[in-house]
């Protein structure tokens, strides 16, 4: 890595937007490194070779995130006069209309059929001015010169006479295949970054521009095969989404973790957007907390196609994609990626056998609301036991938050979200509802004292509730069920020795909140119903 000299690009730089000035040589800036987050942001580093001293430009100037655009250069090379500007860029364009064909054949002899005429006219196309296409942000904005409005005019030579007509009158163009051109050069004004380079020492002089911008992301997903009794095969892949810049044998890293990028919606001060618009974007980020929602960072994730029964699991590389941890982030390394703008790439990451255990869960909510009123009709509430698996991350890389599909014997069991799991950590992956395990709950009032106490000048009754939970197993083997019940009030008695945890929630409420957790084995016999009971008292208005 060459020695780096850092140039801070700030608001103090002069932003020029002069039309018609001499255009410096545009350097070929190719991406050499890209780091992708899951939220649509990517860090891009482009490198351009500087042949000799002079004035150059790099196009286009990216819509970089505020504070993320930096220039570095090799030792001995001196950069100065760094500005952002609009510059004329000329590109070959494929003709897509009759007007384009006319523009592509200026100076050539062709036959034209005009509107309202049946004959073909043999003419030479003399000129057809190209209407300038300027960036919308410059139009009507004080400080930027607005190009004059120009109409379309087609000038032809016919029988030694010049004829000017609207291009819209031309219905068809005819010529021999060798004489008719279907491409033309189009000139547009695009934002660029310009600089002067003084003589450096030695060869291999280059400039690198790094920035963070919207338009690139990676979408991870997993398949978990639970064919073995106590081992699950976890396979991970990534879909790389590129809507930003062409990659050609570029080193790419996929970042797993929780990026803190609060200025993602604000653009660099070098942007040629109007100043008021830049300041509005910056102001919009102030005071807004970073949305720490793992699923939000996966908005670009592609929908997975469900596998039909009997389909084998995914084929993964024999050697997993390498990577390394840096602070609290993990980087999957892809050494050479070729991916054009607008394309997507399927990248297998790794596959590993990891320990797992089956787990059945039954979660029961609190029936007392924030106003200390008993609100729920239990009989109308469905009681659902979920089949989940508890996975232990025995690999050396973290598992990032992503959709995970569970398979067994080649059949799809379900799909859920696998949460972020560090090495040596555990996570719970729900699979599907366990319809073979019947769950029933009942709560009954067994005692009440009217006007038992007063809180905040209000009178409260003291009510004692007894709850009964029953589990019936219709499967062919015994199952272990984790039963969780949240309630408001003082727990007075329980069956089955549950873990009772007092929650630090709703501390301003009259009734404290607790969570009871049982881990019970339910035998494979519908006649042996497992019953759990608990009592609690709470105050209600």
Foldseek 3Di string as FASTA:
>chain_A
DADWDKDFDALVADAEADPPDDAAAEFDWAWAEWEFELQQKIKTKTKTFDPAFWKYWYPDDDQFFAPFKIKIKHAQKDKDNKYKYWDKDKDKDFADDLVLQLQAQAQAWWWFDFPPDDDTATKHWHDWDDFEDADPLQPPDPPHDDDDDDATWTWIQGPNDIDIDHSVRTDDIGDDPVNGDRIDMDIYIHMIIMITIHGGPDGPIMMMIIGMAGFKHKAKEWEWEPADDWKIKIWMKIKITGQDFWFFFHKYKYKFDFDDDLRHQAGYSSDPHDPVVNVVSVVVSPPDDDDRDQVSSNPVHDDDDFFAAQDDDDDADPDFQDWQDDDGMIIRIDRTDGDGNRGMDMGTGDIDMWTKDKEKEWEAEAQQDLQRDRHDDQVPDDTWIWIKMKTFQQDQAWDHWHKYWYDYNRHTQAIDIWHIAGHRGMTIGTGGTPPQKDKGKDKDWDDKDFQPDDDPNHGKMKTKIKMKMKIFGQDPFKHKYKYKYKYWFAWDDWPQPWDKDFDPPSPVGQTTMIMTIHIDIHGNDRVRMDMIMTMGMDIHD
